[in-house]
N, C-alpha and C. Protein backbone atom coordinates (compact mmCIF):
# COMPACT_ATOMS: atom_id res chain seq x y z
N MET A 1 298.08 95.61 -31.54
CA MET A 1 296.52 96.22 -31.47
C MET A 1 296.20 96.37 -32.41
N SER A 2 294.97 96.39 -33.19
CA SER A 2 294.24 96.87 -34.61
C SER A 2 293.14 97.24 -34.23
N LEU A 3 293.10 98.49 -34.83
CA LEU A 3 291.60 99.23 -35.10
C LEU A 3 290.86 98.89 -35.99
N ILE A 4 289.79 98.52 -35.80
CA ILE A 4 288.44 97.82 -37.04
C ILE A 4 287.62 99.17 -36.95
N LYS A 5 287.54 99.76 -38.38
CA LYS A 5 286.68 100.87 -38.42
C LYS A 5 285.09 100.43 -38.62
N ARG A 6 284.11 100.69 -38.44
CA ARG A 6 282.79 100.46 -38.57
C ARG A 6 282.28 101.08 -39.69
N ASN A 7 281.40 100.97 -40.45
CA ASN A 7 280.78 101.77 -41.47
C ASN A 7 279.55 102.34 -40.63
N ALA A 8 279.34 103.54 -40.48
CA ALA A 8 278.34 103.98 -39.60
C ALA A 8 277.03 103.99 -40.41
N ASN A 9 276.95 103.69 -41.61
CA ASN A 9 275.66 103.33 -42.27
C ASN A 9 275.21 102.07 -42.35
N PHE A 10 276.09 100.98 -42.20
CA PHE A 10 275.69 99.57 -41.58
C PHE A 10 275.51 99.27 -40.31
N PRO A 11 274.43 98.91 -39.66
CA PRO A 11 274.36 98.94 -37.92
C PRO A 11 275.44 97.37 -37.85
N SER A 12 275.48 97.68 -36.70
CA SER A 12 276.25 96.23 -35.87
C SER A 12 275.72 95.13 -35.90
N PHE A 13 276.09 94.07 -36.06
CA PHE A 13 275.55 92.80 -35.90
C PHE A 13 274.81 92.48 -34.79
N PRO A 14 274.83 92.97 -33.44
CA PRO A 14 274.25 92.87 -32.28
C PRO A 14 272.82 93.97 -32.49
N ALA A 15 273.25 95.05 -33.21
CA ALA A 15 272.03 96.09 -33.11
C ALA A 15 270.85 95.48 -34.26
N LEU A 16 271.25 94.83 -35.47
CA LEU A 16 270.75 94.62 -36.44
C LEU A 16 269.95 93.12 -35.62
N PHE A 17 270.44 92.16 -34.80
CA PHE A 17 269.63 91.18 -34.27
C PHE A 17 268.51 91.48 -33.43
N ASP A 18 269.10 92.44 -32.28
CA ASP A 18 268.14 92.91 -31.55
C ASP A 18 266.95 93.75 -32.27
N ASP A 19 267.49 94.63 -33.19
CA ASP A 19 266.36 94.84 -33.90
C ASP A 19 265.10 94.22 -34.64
N LEU A 20 265.71 92.97 -35.07
CA LEU A 20 264.59 92.16 -36.08
C LEU A 20 263.88 91.06 -35.06
N PHE A 21 264.84 90.92 -34.27
CA PHE A 21 263.84 90.02 -32.89
C PHE A 21 262.99 90.74 -32.04
N SER A 22 263.16 92.05 -32.15
CA SER A 22 262.22 92.84 -30.99
C SER A 22 261.07 93.15 -32.11
N ARG A 23 260.63 93.46 -33.22
CA ARG A 23 259.76 93.37 -33.94
C ARG A 23 258.82 92.05 -33.62
N GLU A 24 257.33 92.48 -33.96
CA GLU A 24 256.45 91.26 -33.74
C GLU A 24 255.96 90.99 -35.53
N LEU A 25 257.12 90.52 -35.98
CA LEU A 25 256.73 90.05 -37.61
C LEU A 25 256.07 88.88 -37.53
N PHE A 26 255.97 88.40 -36.53
CA PHE A 26 255.14 86.94 -37.02
C PHE A 26 253.52 86.74 -36.20
N ASN A 27 253.49 87.91 -35.13
CA ASN A 27 252.14 87.67 -34.42
C ASN A 27 251.19 88.91 -35.06
N TRP A 28 250.44 88.60 -36.27
CA TRP A 28 249.61 89.23 -36.74
C TRP A 28 248.19 89.66 -35.77
N ASN A 29 248.20 88.91 -35.13
CA ASN A 29 247.15 89.12 -34.10
C ASN A 29 246.95 90.09 -32.93
N ASN A 30 248.44 90.36 -32.64
CA ASN A 30 248.53 90.77 -31.50
C ASN A 30 248.97 92.61 -31.62
N SER A 31 248.13 93.49 -32.35
CA SER A 31 248.04 95.03 -32.59
C SER A 31 247.02 95.54 -31.73
N ASN A 32 247.36 96.76 -32.13
CA ASN A 32 246.37 97.90 -31.07
C ASN A 32 245.38 98.52 -32.09
N PHE A 33 245.75 98.20 -33.61
CA PHE A 33 244.46 98.59 -34.14
C PHE A 33 243.19 97.85 -34.70
N SER A 34 242.35 98.42 -34.79
CA SER A 34 240.76 97.66 -34.98
C SER A 34 240.78 96.98 -36.15
N ALA A 35 240.00 96.69 -36.88
CA ALA A 35 239.58 96.49 -37.96
C ALA A 35 239.35 97.51 -38.78
N THR A 36 239.25 98.73 -38.66
CA THR A 36 238.88 99.89 -39.35
C THR A 36 240.23 100.84 -39.20
N SER A 37 241.29 100.15 -38.90
CA SER A 37 242.51 100.85 -39.07
C SER A 37 243.09 101.89 -37.93
N THR A 38 241.61 102.04 -36.83
CA THR A 38 241.85 102.97 -35.70
C THR A 38 242.31 102.34 -34.64
N THR A 39 243.00 103.26 -33.65
CA THR A 39 243.77 102.56 -32.73
C THR A 39 242.63 102.02 -31.55
N VAL A 40 243.45 101.13 -30.58
CA VAL A 40 242.66 100.81 -29.55
C VAL A 40 243.17 100.97 -28.62
N PRO A 41 242.63 101.35 -27.25
CA PRO A 41 243.72 101.73 -26.28
C PRO A 41 244.30 100.40 -25.66
N SER A 42 245.44 100.31 -24.98
CA SER A 42 246.40 99.04 -24.58
C SER A 42 245.25 98.54 -23.15
N VAL A 43 245.73 97.51 -23.13
CA VAL A 43 245.22 97.21 -21.67
C VAL A 43 245.74 96.39 -21.07
N ASN A 44 245.89 96.49 -19.87
CA ASN A 44 247.00 95.64 -18.80
C ASN A 44 246.07 94.77 -18.07
N ILE A 45 246.04 93.57 -18.03
CA ILE A 45 245.04 92.62 -16.96
C ILE A 45 246.37 91.72 -16.11
N ARG A 46 245.84 92.07 -14.61
CA ARG A 46 246.72 91.44 -13.82
C ARG A 46 245.87 90.20 -12.94
N GLU A 47 246.03 89.11 -12.36
CA GLU A 47 245.36 88.48 -11.49
C GLU A 47 245.90 88.56 -10.24
N THR A 48 245.05 88.83 -9.26
CA THR A 48 245.55 88.60 -7.83
C THR A 48 244.82 87.75 -7.10
N ASN A 49 245.08 87.31 -5.96
CA ASN A 49 244.35 86.14 -5.31
C ASN A 49 243.10 86.52 -5.54
N ASP A 50 242.53 87.84 -4.96
CA ASP A 50 241.37 88.36 -4.74
C ASP A 50 240.09 88.72 -6.06
N SER A 51 240.95 88.87 -7.25
CA SER A 51 240.49 89.67 -7.94
C SER A 51 241.02 89.75 -9.78
N PHE A 52 240.68 90.30 -10.40
CA PHE A 52 241.22 90.70 -11.64
C PHE A 52 241.28 92.19 -11.88
N GLU A 53 242.42 92.76 -12.24
CA GLU A 53 242.75 94.19 -12.11
C GLU A 53 243.01 94.47 -13.20
N VAL A 54 242.17 95.23 -14.05
CA VAL A 54 242.09 95.90 -15.83
C VAL A 54 242.74 97.07 -15.47
N GLU A 55 243.50 97.81 -16.33
CA GLU A 55 243.93 99.06 -16.68
C GLU A 55 244.02 99.44 -17.98
N MET A 56 243.28 100.37 -18.43
CA MET A 56 243.41 100.66 -20.00
C MET A 56 244.05 101.88 -19.69
N ALA A 57 244.81 102.47 -20.79
CA ALA A 57 245.45 103.59 -21.27
C ALA A 57 244.17 104.35 -22.22
N ALA A 58 243.82 105.86 -21.45
CA ALA A 58 242.90 106.23 -22.23
C ALA A 58 243.20 107.51 -21.71
N PRO A 59 244.08 108.28 -22.24
CA PRO A 59 244.70 109.57 -21.90
C PRO A 59 243.58 110.84 -22.45
N GLY A 60 243.45 111.84 -22.05
CA GLY A 60 242.56 112.95 -22.73
C GLY A 60 240.91 112.97 -22.54
N MET A 61 240.77 111.69 -21.98
CA MET A 61 239.39 111.22 -21.91
C MET A 61 238.59 111.75 -20.52
N GLU A 62 237.51 111.46 -20.56
CA GLU A 62 236.82 112.01 -19.17
C GLU A 62 235.75 110.58 -18.52
N LYS A 63 235.84 110.54 -17.19
CA LYS A 63 234.87 109.99 -17.10
C LYS A 63 233.40 109.44 -17.69
N LYS A 64 232.89 110.69 -18.16
CA LYS A 64 231.61 110.42 -18.86
C LYS A 64 231.56 109.91 -20.13
N ASP A 65 233.13 109.76 -20.73
CA ASP A 65 233.31 109.41 -21.82
C ASP A 65 232.90 107.99 -22.34
N PHE A 66 233.59 107.01 -21.08
CA PHE A 66 233.48 105.61 -20.69
C PHE A 66 231.79 105.34 -20.67
N ASN A 67 231.36 103.69 -21.46
CA ASN A 67 230.25 103.29 -21.15
C ASN A 67 231.06 101.76 -21.13
N ILE A 68 230.79 101.14 -19.69
CA ILE A 68 231.22 99.77 -19.35
C ILE A 68 229.99 99.10 -19.23
N SER A 69 229.82 98.27 -19.82
CA SER A 69 228.44 97.32 -19.69
C SER A 69 228.63 95.84 -19.54
N LEU A 70 228.31 94.81 -19.00
CA LEU A 70 228.30 93.64 -18.75
C LEU A 70 227.12 92.86 -19.01
N GLU A 71 227.35 92.09 -20.19
CA GLU A 71 225.83 91.31 -20.64
C GLU A 71 226.47 89.92 -20.83
N GLY A 72 225.54 89.04 -20.01
CA GLY A 72 226.11 87.58 -19.88
C GLY A 72 227.37 87.56 -19.08
N ASN A 73 228.13 87.19 -19.65
CA ASN A 73 229.78 87.34 -19.37
C ASN A 73 230.68 87.84 -20.16
N THR A 74 230.01 88.77 -20.79
CA THR A 74 231.01 89.50 -21.31
C THR A 74 231.15 91.04 -21.29
N LEU A 75 231.93 91.77 -20.83
CA LEU A 75 232.34 92.66 -20.51
C LEU A 75 232.53 93.71 -21.60
N THR A 76 232.19 94.69 -21.38
CA THR A 76 232.64 95.68 -23.19
C THR A 76 232.94 96.89 -22.08
N ILE A 77 234.06 97.78 -22.22
CA ILE A 77 234.53 98.86 -22.27
C ILE A 77 234.30 99.57 -23.75
N ALA A 78 233.78 100.88 -23.59
CA ALA A 78 233.20 101.30 -25.05
C ALA A 78 233.61 103.10 -24.38
N SER A 79 233.88 103.86 -25.62
CA SER A 79 234.12 105.05 -25.31
C SER A 79 233.76 105.74 -26.64
N GLN A 80 232.92 107.10 -26.84
CA GLN A 80 232.97 108.14 -27.87
C GLN A 80 233.20 109.59 -27.28
N LYS A 81 233.88 110.23 -28.15
CA LYS A 81 233.91 111.57 -27.62
C LYS A 81 234.38 112.21 -28.99
N GLN A 82 233.49 113.13 -29.03
CA GLN A 82 233.30 114.08 -30.31
C GLN A 82 233.66 115.66 -30.02
N HIS A 83 234.32 116.39 -30.66
CA HIS A 83 235.04 117.78 -30.32
C HIS A 83 234.65 118.39 -31.71
N ARG A 84 234.12 119.80 -31.22
CA ARG A 84 233.99 120.45 -32.48
C ARG A 84 234.11 121.92 -32.08
N LYS A 85 234.98 122.49 -32.97
CA LYS A 85 235.05 124.04 -32.69
C LYS A 85 235.43 124.83 -34.00
N GLU A 86 234.34 125.90 -33.69
CA GLU A 86 234.26 126.87 -34.66
C GLU A 86 234.94 128.25 -34.49
N ASN A 87 235.40 128.63 -35.44
CA ASN A 87 236.13 129.87 -35.70
C ASN A 87 235.55 130.97 -36.79
N ASP A 88 234.87 131.73 -36.54
CA ASP A 88 234.58 132.90 -37.92
C ASP A 88 235.39 134.32 -37.83
N GLU A 89 236.23 134.49 -38.30
CA GLU A 89 237.30 135.90 -38.07
C GLU A 89 237.39 136.45 -39.84
N GLY A 90 237.59 137.71 -39.69
CA GLY A 90 237.46 138.26 -40.59
C GLY A 90 237.07 137.64 -41.95
N GLY A 91 235.75 137.58 -42.10
CA GLY A 91 235.25 136.84 -43.09
C GLY A 91 235.50 135.33 -43.63
N TYR A 92 236.45 134.70 -42.60
CA TYR A 92 236.61 133.17 -42.99
C TYR A 92 235.98 132.49 -42.10
N SER A 93 235.96 131.73 -42.12
CA SER A 93 235.16 130.32 -41.23
C SER A 93 236.12 129.26 -41.31
N ARG A 94 236.08 128.99 -40.15
CA ARG A 94 237.15 127.20 -39.85
C ARG A 94 236.20 126.57 -39.07
N ARG A 95 236.19 125.42 -39.41
CA ARG A 95 235.74 124.73 -38.31
C ARG A 95 236.30 123.00 -38.20
N GLU A 96 236.69 122.94 -37.42
CA GLU A 96 237.35 121.62 -36.83
C GLU A 96 236.92 120.40 -36.03
N PHE A 97 236.44 119.22 -36.91
CA PHE A 97 235.57 118.42 -35.70
C PHE A 97 236.79 117.39 -35.64
N SER A 98 236.72 116.42 -34.49
CA SER A 98 237.13 115.46 -34.36
C SER A 98 236.24 114.24 -33.85
N TYR A 99 236.60 112.92 -33.98
CA TYR A 99 235.67 112.16 -33.36
C TYR A 99 236.81 110.89 -33.13
N GLN A 100 236.53 110.56 -31.84
CA GLN A 100 237.19 109.17 -31.60
C GLN A 100 236.43 108.30 -30.68
N SER A 101 236.42 107.05 -31.41
CA SER A 101 235.57 105.63 -30.49
C SER A 101 236.40 104.91 -30.17
N PHE A 102 236.02 103.96 -29.35
CA PHE A 102 236.65 102.45 -29.73
C PHE A 102 235.79 101.42 -28.59
N GLN A 103 235.77 100.16 -28.79
CA GLN A 103 235.07 99.42 -27.96
C GLN A 103 235.96 97.99 -27.58
N ARG A 104 235.92 97.23 -26.55
CA ARG A 104 236.84 96.18 -26.32
C ARG A 104 235.93 95.45 -25.57
N SER A 105 235.91 94.22 -25.74
CA SER A 105 234.94 93.19 -24.94
C SER A 105 236.07 91.70 -24.43
N PHE A 106 235.91 91.53 -23.23
CA PHE A 106 236.42 90.26 -22.66
C PHE A 106 235.35 89.36 -21.95
N GLU A 107 235.62 88.23 -22.28
CA GLU A 107 234.84 87.35 -21.81
C GLU A 107 235.44 87.01 -20.09
N LEU A 108 234.26 87.30 -19.52
CA LEU A 108 234.68 86.79 -17.84
C LEU A 108 234.42 85.45 -17.57
N PRO A 109 235.08 84.83 -16.97
CA PRO A 109 234.74 83.29 -16.56
C PRO A 109 233.98 83.39 -15.10
N LYS A 110 232.72 83.27 -15.42
CA LYS A 110 231.36 83.47 -14.80
C LYS A 110 231.85 82.60 -13.69
N GLU A 111 232.06 81.45 -13.51
CA GLU A 111 232.30 80.41 -12.12
C GLU A 111 233.51 81.33 -11.35
N VAL A 112 234.08 81.83 -12.09
CA VAL A 112 235.00 82.53 -10.75
C VAL A 112 234.93 84.09 -10.36
N VAL A 113 233.86 85.00 -11.22
CA VAL A 113 233.95 86.33 -11.19
C VAL A 113 232.56 86.63 -10.51
N ASP A 114 232.86 87.38 -9.37
CA ASP A 114 231.94 87.99 -8.73
C ASP A 114 231.51 89.31 -9.49
N ASP A 115 230.33 89.06 -10.59
CA ASP A 115 229.86 90.59 -11.62
C ASP A 115 229.35 91.47 -10.99
N GLU A 116 228.33 91.42 -9.86
CA GLU A 116 227.89 92.07 -8.75
C GLU A 116 228.58 93.31 -8.36
N LYS A 117 230.14 93.19 -7.91
CA LYS A 117 231.17 93.59 -7.32
C LYS A 117 232.03 94.22 -8.22
N ILE A 118 231.80 94.67 -9.26
CA ILE A 118 232.97 94.86 -10.55
C ILE A 118 232.67 96.98 -10.04
N ALA A 119 234.09 97.32 -9.97
CA ALA A 119 234.10 98.60 -9.74
C ALA A 119 234.73 99.07 -10.75
N ALA A 120 234.92 100.57 -10.94
CA ALA A 120 235.57 100.95 -12.01
C ALA A 120 235.85 102.55 -11.41
N ARG A 121 237.11 103.18 -11.64
CA ARG A 121 237.40 104.69 -11.94
C ARG A 121 238.23 104.76 -12.87
N TYR A 122 238.21 106.31 -13.13
CA TYR A 122 239.25 106.92 -14.37
C TYR A 122 239.88 107.92 -13.67
N GLU A 123 241.43 107.88 -13.51
CA GLU A 123 242.37 108.96 -12.77
C GLU A 123 243.73 109.14 -13.90
N ASN A 124 244.26 109.98 -14.26
CA ASN A 124 245.10 110.28 -14.72
C ASN A 124 245.32 109.70 -15.99
N GLY A 125 244.66 109.49 -16.63
CA GLY A 125 244.72 108.85 -18.02
C GLY A 125 244.26 107.53 -18.28
N LEU A 126 244.21 106.94 -16.86
CA LEU A 126 244.16 105.40 -16.61
C LEU A 126 242.79 105.07 -16.14
N LEU A 127 241.97 103.85 -16.84
CA LEU A 127 240.52 103.65 -16.47
C LEU A 127 241.14 102.48 -15.52
N HIS A 128 240.74 102.11 -14.57
CA HIS A 128 241.18 101.15 -13.47
C HIS A 128 239.96 100.33 -13.58
N LEU A 129 239.83 98.68 -13.48
CA LEU A 129 238.50 98.10 -13.20
C LEU A 129 239.25 97.07 -12.13
N THR A 130 238.26 96.81 -11.28
CA THR A 130 238.64 95.88 -10.21
C THR A 130 237.38 94.53 -10.63
N ILE A 131 237.78 93.65 -10.69
CA ILE A 131 236.77 92.54 -10.82
C ILE A 131 237.09 91.52 -9.84
N PRO A 132 236.41 91.55 -8.83
CA PRO A 132 236.47 90.65 -7.59
C PRO A 132 236.24 89.16 -8.20
N LYS A 133 236.95 88.11 -7.43
CA LYS A 133 236.52 86.70 -7.46
C LYS A 133 235.30 86.22 -6.65
N LYS A 134 234.52 85.38 -7.06
CA LYS A 134 234.18 84.73 -5.95
C LYS A 134 234.71 84.53 -4.59
N GLU A 135 234.30 84.00 -3.54
CA GLU A 135 235.01 83.28 -2.46
C GLU A 135 235.60 82.08 -2.91
N GLU A 136 234.36 80.97 -3.63
CA GLU A 136 235.00 79.85 -3.55
C GLU A 136 236.16 79.58 -4.78
N ALA A 137 236.54 80.51 -5.62
CA ALA A 137 237.56 80.52 -6.48
C ALA A 137 238.76 81.32 -6.19
N LYS A 138 238.47 81.78 -5.01
CA LYS A 138 240.03 82.27 -4.47
C LYS A 138 240.95 81.13 -3.76
N LYS A 139 241.89 81.56 -4.17
CA LYS A 139 243.11 80.70 -3.54
C LYS A 139 243.27 80.18 -2.20
N LYS A 140 243.48 79.06 -1.77
CA LYS A 140 243.38 78.77 -0.43
C LYS A 140 244.77 78.47 0.23
N ALA A 141 245.27 78.96 1.32
CA ALA A 141 246.35 78.64 2.04
C ALA A 141 246.27 77.12 1.94
N PRO A 142 247.91 76.66 1.50
CA PRO A 142 247.51 75.25 1.74
C PRO A 142 247.81 74.62 3.08
N ARG A 143 246.73 73.76 3.49
CA ARG A 143 246.46 72.79 4.45
C ARG A 143 247.49 71.74 4.90
N LEU A 144 247.78 71.74 5.98
CA LEU A 144 248.98 70.83 6.39
C LEU A 144 248.10 69.27 6.90
N ILE A 145 248.35 68.30 6.30
CA ILE A 145 247.95 67.05 6.85
C ILE A 145 248.71 66.37 7.51
N GLU A 146 248.22 66.19 8.96
CA GLU A 146 249.03 64.89 10.22
C GLU A 146 248.82 63.77 9.64
N ILE A 147 249.91 63.00 9.75
CA ILE A 147 250.26 61.72 9.39
C ILE A 147 249.65 61.00 10.61
N GLY A 148 248.50 59.95 10.77
CA GLY A 148 248.38 59.67 12.41
C GLY A 148 248.92 58.28 12.36
């Protein structure tokens, strides 16, 4: 039996291989940065038989910080939050400002979505939207056809 000493400064082949393919080197369009290099919240979209469920991670926000609008078949989720803190002590002034905003837009399939019944709620740092489907767009259970 022989022992092989590995160089701790050089990763093993499997680790190097996993690291290389876990990065999104070739997917330039899939990023959470806007054209101005600001971060944009991540969104999960799940389709069920009855609706589309949208979850957006936006920790530290409040319900009043969001503006959700529907124009035609474009659903837009936008947010603006401004924080201003001023402190005057011992002849020194300290002013801190922070401003964060984002906007994400999604095209809804007009013939599938019941846009009059879209609902939204915000809790625990997640914005949840439920976008119901029209009755005629919902999948129906398979119907058995008898042979006559």
